[in-house]
Amino acid sequence: MLPSLPTLTVLVPLLSLAGLFYSASVDEAFPQGCTSANSLCFYSLLLPITIPVYVFFHLWTWMGIKLFRHN
């Protein structure tokens, strides 16, 4: 069973922030190491950006369908 949306809204940024702090404290090449897809830092920066972009395009698609149906 999936957690509810409010739970995910709080949990995902906190996990990303924890991963970012972990990467900043452990990884020696922190700023440059974020470019590798094998790095935890890469995903801790990517995840908070991906969710709002997904929501925006999902709503954009929904609005396009609504406008297309009503014209």
PDB file of N, CA and C in Angstrom:
ATOM      1  N   MET A   1       0.835  -1.176   0.000  1.00  0.00           N
ATOM      2  CA  MET A   1       0.000   0.000   0.000  1.00  0.00           C
ATOM      3  C   MET A   1       0.890   1.252   0.000  1.00  0.00           C
ATOM      4  N   LEU A   2       0.559   2.197  -0.848  1.00  0.00           N
ATOM      5  CA  LEU A   2       1.338   3.432  -0.966  1.00  0.00           C
ATOM      6  C   LEU A   2       0.948   4.430   0.120  1.00  0.00           C
ATOM      7  N   PRO A   3       1.918   5.203   0.606  1.00  0.00           N
ATOM      8  CA  PRO A   3       1.587   6.261   1.566  1.00  0.00           C
ATOM      9  C   PRO A   3       0.745   7.346   0.906  1.00  0.00           C
ATOM     10  N   SER A   4       0.049   8.106   1.714  1.00  0.00           N
ATOM     11  CA  SER A   4      -0.813   9.158   1.181  1.00  0.00           C
ATOM     12  C   SER A   4       0.015  10.309   0.617  1.00  0.00           C
ATOM     13  N   LEU A   5      -0.616  11.153  -0.165  1.00  0.00           N
ATOM     14  CA  LEU A   5       0.073  12.275  -0.805  1.00  0.00           C
ATOM     15  C   LEU A   5       0.676  13.261   0.199  1.00  0.00           C
ATOM     16  N   PRO A   6      -0.054  13.645   1.279  1.00  0.00           N
ATOM     17  CA  PRO A   6       0.590  14.542   2.252  1.00  0.00           C
ATOM     18  C   PRO A   6       1.818  13.922   2.915  1.00  0.00           C
ATOM     19  N   THR A   7       1.777  12.621   3.136  1.00  0.00           N
ATOM     20  CA  THR A   7       2.934  11.953   3.722  1.00  0.00           C
ATOM     21  C   THR A   7       4.106  11.985   2.757  1.00  0.00           C
ATOM     22  N   LEU A   8       3.857  11.713   1.485  1.00  0.00           N
ATOM     23  CA  LEU A   8       4.920  11.749   0.483  1.00  0.00           C
ATOM     24  C   LEU A   8       5.445  13.160   0.281  1.00  0.00           C
ATOM     25  N   THR A   9       4.571  14.148   0.391  1.00  0.00           N
ATOM     26  CA  THR A   9       4.968  15.541   0.212  1.00  0.00           C
ATOM     27  C   THR A   9       5.984  15.958   1.275  1.00  0.00           C
ATOM     28  N   VAL A  10       5.859  15.402   2.451  1.00  0.00           N
ATOM     29  CA  VAL A  10       6.804  15.710   3.522  1.00  0.00           C
ATOM     30  C   VAL A  10       7.997  14.763   3.491  1.00  0.00           C
ATOM     31  N   LEU A  11       7.759  13.503   3.210  1.00  0.00           N
ATOM     32  CA  LEU A  11       8.796  12.481   3.302  1.00  0.00           C
ATOM     33  C   LEU A  11       9.858  12.597   2.204  1.00  0.00           C
ATOM     34  N   VAL A  12       9.444  12.862   0.975  1.00  0.00           N
ATOM     35  CA  VAL A  12      10.393  12.919  -0.145  1.00  0.00           C
ATOM     36  C   VAL A  12      11.409  14.056   0.025  1.00  0.00           C
ATOM     37  N   PRO A  13      10.998  15.282   0.328  1.00  0.00           N
ATOM     38  CA  PRO A  13      12.020  16.322   0.530  1.00  0.00           C
ATOM     39  C   PRO A  13      12.930  16.058   1.735  1.00  0.00           C
ATOM     40  N   LEU A  14      12.373  15.471   2.802  1.00  0.00           N
ATOM     41  CA  LEU A  14      13.213  15.172   3.959  1.00  0.00           C
ATOM     42  C   LEU A  14      14.256  14.109   3.639  1.00  0.00           C
ATOM     43  N   LEU A  15      13.866  13.076   2.905  1.00  0.00           N
ATOM     44  CA  LEU A  15      14.824  12.048   2.499  1.00  0.00           C
ATOM     45  C   LEU A  15      15.873  12.619   1.547  1.00  0.00           C
ATOM     46  N   SER A  16      15.451  13.485   0.643  1.00  0.00           N
ATOM     47  CA  SER A  16      16.395  14.113  -0.278  1.00  0.00           C
ATOM     48  C   SER A  16      17.376  15.006   0.474  1.00  0.00           C
ATOM     49  N   LEU A  17      16.875  15.739   1.437  1.00  0.00           N
ATOM     50  CA  LEU A  17      17.738  16.608   2.232  1.00  0.00           C
ATOM     51  C   LEU A  17      18.716  15.793   3.074  1.00  0.00           C
ATOM     52  N   ALA A  18      18.237  14.687   3.623  1.00  0.00           N
ATOM     53  CA  ALA A  18      19.127  13.811   4.392  1.00  0.00           C
ATOM     54  C   ALA A  18      20.221  13.229   3.485  1.00  0.00           C
ATOM     55  N   GLY A  19      19.857  12.812   2.277  1.00  0.00           N
ATOM     56  CA  GLY A  19      20.844  12.301   1.332  1.00  0.00           C
ATOM     57  C   GLY A  19      21.838  13.364   0.912  1.00  0.00           C
ATOM     58  N   LEU A  20      21.371  14.583   0.751  1.00  0.00           N
ATOM     59  CA  LEU A  20      22.266  15.684   0.386  1.00  0.00           C
ATOM     60  C   LEU A  20      23.251  15.991   1.512  1.00  0.00           C
ATOM     61  N   PHE A  21      22.758  16.037   2.748  1.00  0.00           N
ATOM     62  CA  PHE A  21      23.646  16.272   3.889  1.00  0.00           C
ATOM     63  C   PHE A  21      24.639  15.127   4.069  1.00  0.00           C
ATOM     64  N   TYR A  22      24.182  13.909   3.839  1.00  0.00           N
ATOM     65  CA  TYR A  22      25.075  12.760   3.926  1.00  0.00           C
ATOM     66  C   TYR A  22      26.182  12.865   2.871  1.00  0.00           C
ATOM     67  N   SER A  23      25.793  13.205   1.652  1.00  0.00           N
ATOM     68  CA  SER A  23      26.780  13.351   0.584  1.00  0.00           C
ATOM     69  C   SER A  23      27.761  14.480   0.876  1.00  0.00           C
ATOM     70  N   ALA A  24      27.247  15.577   1.422  1.00  0.00           N
ATOM     71  CA  ALA A  24      28.114  16.720   1.718  1.00  0.00           C
ATOM     72  C   ALA A  24      29.094  16.400   2.834  1.00  0.00           C
ATOM     73  N   SER A  25      28.706  15.566   3.778  1.00  0.00           N
ATOM     74  CA  SER A  25      29.604  15.280   4.895  1.00  0.00           C
ATOM     75  C   SER A  25      30.558  14.129   4.607  1.00  0.00           C
ATOM     76  N   VAL A  26      30.177  13.180   3.743  1.00  0.00           N
ATOM     77  CA  VAL A  26      30.993  11.990   3.513  1.00  0.00           C
ATOM     78  C   VAL A  26      31.827  12.090   2.239  1.00  0.00           C
ATOM     79  N   ASP A  27      31.241  12.582   1.168  1.00  0.00           N
ATOM     80  CA  ASP A  27      31.916  12.602  -0.129  1.00  0.00           C
ATOM     81  C   ASP A  27      32.969  13.701  -0.182  1.00  0.00           C
ATOM     82  N   GLU A  28      34.193  13.323  -0.579  1.00  0.00           N
ATOM     83  CA  GLU A  28      35.279  14.309  -0.642  1.00  0.00           C
ATOM     84  C   GLU A  28      35.087  15.283  -1.799  1.00  0.00           C
ATOM     85  N   ALA A  29      34.601  14.796  -2.925  1.00  0.00           N
ATOM     86  CA  ALA A  29      34.395  15.646  -4.108  1.00  0.00           C
ATOM     87  C   ALA A  29      32.922  15.987  -4.225  1.00  0.00           C
ATOM     88  N   PHE A  30      32.381  16.669  -3.200  1.00  0.00           N
ATOM     89  CA  PHE A  30      30.931  16.887  -3.136  1.00  0.00           C
ATOM     90  C   PHE A  30      30.354  17.672  -4.312  1.00  0.00           C
ATOM     91  N   PRO A  31      30.798  18.875  -4.592  1.00  0.00           N
ATOM     92  CA  PRO A  31      30.119  19.591  -5.685  1.00  0.00           C
ATOM     93  C   PRO A  31      30.323  18.929  -7.045  1.00  0.00           C
ATOM     94  N   GLN A  32      31.522  18.412  -7.311  1.00  0.00           N
ATOM     95  CA  GLN A  32      31.786  17.800  -8.602  1.00  0.00           C
ATOM     96  C   GLN A  32      31.254  16.373  -8.663  1.00  0.00           C
ATOM     97  N   GLY A  33      31.099  15.728  -7.527  1.00  0.00           N
ATOM     98  CA  GLY A  33      30.630  14.344  -7.490  1.00  0.00           C
ATOM     99  C   GLY A  33      29.155  14.195  -7.761  1.00  0.00           C
ATOM    100  N   CYS A  34      28.418  15.292  -7.801  1.00  0.00           N
ATOM    101  CA  CYS A  34      26.969  15.225  -8.018  1.00  0.00           C
ATOM    102  C   CYS A  34      26.600  14.972  -9.474  1.00  0.00           C
ATOM    103  N   THR A  35      27.572  14.922 -10.367  1.00  0.00           N
ATOM    104  CA  THR A  35      27.267  14.720 -11.778  1.00  0.00           C
ATOM    105  C   THR A  35      27.205  13.250 -12.155  1.00  0.00           C
ATOM    106  N   SER A  36      27.711  12.369 -11.320  1.00  0.00           N
ATOM    107  CA  SER A  36      27.704  10.944 -11.620  1.00  0.00           C
ATOM    108  C   SER A  36      26.369  10.328 -11.228  1.00  0.00           C
ATOM    109  N   ALA A  37      25.822   9.481 -12.094  1.00  0.00           N
ATOM    110  CA  ALA A  37      24.545   8.834 -11.801  1.00  0.00           C
ATOM    111  C   ALA A  37      24.681   7.772 -10.720  1.00  0.00           C
ATOM    112  N   ASN A  38      25.892   7.412 -10.343  1.00  0.00           N
ATOM    113  CA  ASN A  38      26.112   6.439  -9.273  1.00  0.00           C
ATOM    114  C   ASN A  38      26.123   7.080  -7.902  1.00  0.00           C
ATOM    115  N   SER A  39      26.069   8.396  -7.845  1.00  0.00           N
ATOM    116  CA  SER A  39      26.187   9.124  -6.591  1.00  0.00           C
ATOM    117  C   SER A  39      24.819   9.340  -5.955  1.00  0.00           C
ATOM    118  N   LEU A  40      24.772   9.222  -4.634  1.00  0.00           N
ATOM    119  CA  LEU A  40      23.552   9.510  -3.895  1.00  0.00           C
ATOM    120  C   LEU A  40      23.201  10.987  -3.996  1.00  0.00           C
ATOM    121  N   CYS A  41      24.223  11.824  -4.085  1.00  0.00           N
ATOM    122  CA  CYS A  41      24.027  13.266  -4.201  1.00  0.00           C
ATOM    123  C   CYS A  41      23.237  13.622  -5.460  1.00  0.00           C
ATOM    124  N   PHE A  42      23.510  12.927  -6.548  1.00  0.00           N
ATOM    125  CA  PHE A  42      22.816  13.184  -7.812  1.00  0.00           C
ATOM    126  C   PHE A  42      21.310  12.999  -7.646  1.00  0.00           C
ATOM    127  N   TYR A  43      20.910  11.915  -7.005  1.00  0.00           N
ATOM    128  CA  TYR A  43      19.489  11.635  -6.831  1.00  0.00           C
ATOM    129  C   TYR A  43      18.859  12.506  -5.759  1.00  0.00           C
ATOM    130  N   SER A  44      19.621  12.909  -4.755  1.00  0.00           N
ATOM    131  CA  SER A  44      19.051  13.785  -3.735  1.00  0.00           C
ATOM    132  C   SER A  44      18.812  15.188  -4.293  1.00  0.00           C
ATOM    133  N   LEU A  45      19.538  15.570  -5.339  1.00  0.00           N
ATOM    134  CA  LEU A  45      19.262  16.841  -6.012  1.00  0.00           C
ATOM    135  C   LEU A  45      18.199  16.685  -7.098  1.00  0.00           C
ATOM    136  N   LEU A  46      18.144  15.531  -7.726  1.00  0.00           N
ATOM    137  CA  LEU A  46      17.222  15.311  -8.832  1.00  0.00           C
ATOM    138  C   LEU A  46      15.776  15.126  -8.366  1.00  0.00           C
ATOM    139  N   LEU A  47      15.577  14.428  -7.267  1.00  0.00           N
ATOM    140  CA  LEU A  47      14.229  14.085  -6.823  1.00  0.00           C
ATOM    141  C   LEU A  47      13.364  15.295  -6.487  1.00  0.00           C
ATOM    142  N   PRO A  48      13.844  16.278  -5.710  1.00  0.00           N
ATOM    143  CA  PRO A  48      12.979  17.433  -5.429  1.00  0.00           C
ATOM    144  C   PRO A  48      12.640  18.254  -6.664  1.00  0.00           C
ATOM    145  N   ILE A  49      13.474  18.214  -7.681  1.00  0.00           N
ATOM    146  CA  ILE A  49      13.197  18.954  -8.908  1.00  0.00           C
ATOM    147  C   ILE A  49      12.203  18.192  -9.787  1.00  0.00           C
ATOM    148  N   THR A  50      12.286  16.880  -9.786  1.00  0.00           N
ATOM    149  CA  THR A  50      11.466  16.058 -10.662  1.00  0.00           C
ATOM    150  C   THR A  50       9.984  16.114 -10.300  1.00  0.00           C
ATOM    151  N   ILE A  51       9.671  16.119  -9.025  1.00  0.00           N
ATOM    152  CA  ILE A  51       8.272  16.051  -8.594  1.00  0.00           C
ATOM    153  C   ILE A  51       7.472  17.287  -9.018  1.00  0.00           C
ATOM    154  N   PRO A  52       7.935  18.538  -8.772  1.00  0.00           N
ATOM    155  CA  PRO A  52       7.148  19.682  -9.247  1.00  0.00           C
ATOM    156  C   PRO A  52       7.031  19.750 -10.767  1.00  0.00           C
ATOM    157  N   VAL A  53       8.090  19.341 -11.468  1.00  0.00           N
ATOM    158  CA  VAL A  53       8.031  19.336 -12.931  1.00  0.00           C
ATOM    159  C   VAL A  53       6.991  18.336 -13.409  1.00  0.00           C
ATOM    160  N   TYR A  54       6.945  17.164 -12.794  1.00  0.00           N
ATOM    161  CA  TYR A  54       5.943  16.158 -13.155  1.00  0.00           C
ATOM    162  C   TYR A  54       4.532  16.681 -12.896  1.00  0.00           C
ATOM    163  N   VAL A  55       4.322  17.296 -11.740  1.00  0.00           N
ATOM    164  CA  VAL A  55       2.992  17.827 -11.409  1.00  0.00           C
ATOM    165  C   VAL A  55       2.602  18.911 -12.405  1.00  0.00           C
ATOM    166  N   PHE A  56       3.529  19.808 -12.750  1.00  0.00           N
ATOM    167  CA  PHE A  56       3.223  20.873 -13.700  1.00  0.00           C
ATOM    168  C   PHE A  56       2.800  20.304 -15.043  1.00  0.00           C
ATOM    169  N   PHE A  57       3.563  19.354 -15.584  1.00  0.00           N
ATOM    170  CA  PHE A  57       3.222  18.817 -16.899  1.00  0.00           C
ATOM    171  C   PHE A  57       1.987  17.935 -16.859  1.00  0.00           C
ATOM    172  N   HIS A  58       1.749  17.283 -15.735  1.00  0.00           N
ATOM    173  CA  HIS A  58       0.518  16.504 -15.596  1.00  0.00           C
ATOM    174  C   HIS A  58      -0.695  17.440 -15.635  1.00  0.00           C
ATOM    175  N   LEU A  59      -0.624  18.551 -14.890  1.00  0.00           N
ATOM    176  CA  LEU A  59      -1.727  19.516 -14.913  1.00  0.00           C
ATOM    177  C   LEU A  59      -1.844  20.196 -16.275  1.00  0.00           C
ATOM    178  N   TRP A  60      -0.736  20.457 -16.942  1.00  0.00           N
ATOM    179  CA  TRP A  60      -0.752  21.056 -18.274  1.00  0.00           C
ATOM    180  C   TRP A  60      -1.457  20.139 -19.267  1.00  0.00           C
ATOM    181  N   THR A  61      -1.167  18.843 -19.187  1.00  0.00           N
ATOM    182  CA  THR A  61      -1.817  17.868 -20.062  1.00  0.00           C
ATOM    183  C   THR A  61      -3.306  17.795 -19.763  1.00  0.00           C
ATOM    184  N   TRP A  62      -3.649  17.779 -18.475  1.00  0.00           N
ATOM    185  CA  TRP A  62      -5.058  17.725 -18.090  1.00  0.00           C
ATOM    186  C   TRP A  62      -5.800  18.963 -18.592  1.00  0.00           C
ATOM    187  N   MET A  63      -5.186  20.127 -18.468  1.00  0.00           N
ATOM    188  CA  MET A  63      -5.817  21.361 -18.938  1.00  0.00           C
ATOM    189  C   MET A  63      -5.981  21.342 -20.450  1.00  0.00           C
ATOM    190  N   GLY A  64      -4.999  20.817 -21.162  1.00  0.00           N
ATOM    191  CA  GLY A  64      -5.109  20.713 -22.614  1.00  0.00           C
ATOM    192  C   GLY A  64      -6.247  19.802 -23.027  1.00  0.00           C
ATOM    193  N   ILE A  65      -6.427  18.694 -22.315  1.00  0.00           N
ATOM    194  CA  ILE A  65      -7.535  17.781 -22.620  1.00  0.00           C
ATOM    195  C   ILE A  65      -8.864  18.457 -22.334  1.00  0.00           C
ATOM    196  N   LYS A  66      -8.968  19.181 -21.215  1.00  0.00           N
ATOM    197  CA  LYS A  66     -10.216  19.875 -20.875  1.00  0.00           C
ATOM    198  C   LYS A  66     -10.547  20.943 -21.922  1.00  0.00           C
ATOM    199  N   LEU A  67      -9.556  21.712 -22.356  1.00  0.00           N
ATOM    200  CA  LEU A  67      -9.797  22.747 -23.346  1.00  0.00           C
ATOM    201  C   LEU A  67     -10.170  22.141 -24.693  1.00  0.00           C
ATOM    202  N   PHE A  68      -9.549  21.030 -25.043  1.00  0.00           N
ATOM    203  CA  PHE A  68      -9.851  20.370 -26.316  1.00  0.00           C
ATOM    204  C   PHE A  68     -11.287  19.824 -26.321  1.00  0.00           C
ATOM    205  N   ARG A  69     -11.725  19.269 -25.216  1.00  0.00           N
ATOM    206  CA  ARG A  69     -13.082  18.715 -25.149  1.00  0.00           C
ATOM    207  C   ARG A  69     -14.155  19.792 -25.204  1.00  0.00           C
ATOM    208  N   HIS A  70     -13.892  20.962 -24.620  1.00  0.00           N
ATOM    209  CA  HIS A  70     -14.924  21.986 -24.526  1.00  0.00           C
ATOM    210  C   HIS A  70     -14.951  22.932 -25.710  1.00  0.00           C
ATOM    211  N   ASN A  71     -14.074  22.741 -26.683  1.00  0.00           N
ATOM    212  CA  ASN A  71     -14.106  23.597 -27.873  1.00  0.00           C
ATOM    213  C   ASN A  71     -14.777  22.904 -29.024  1.00  0.00           C
TER     214      ASN A  71
END
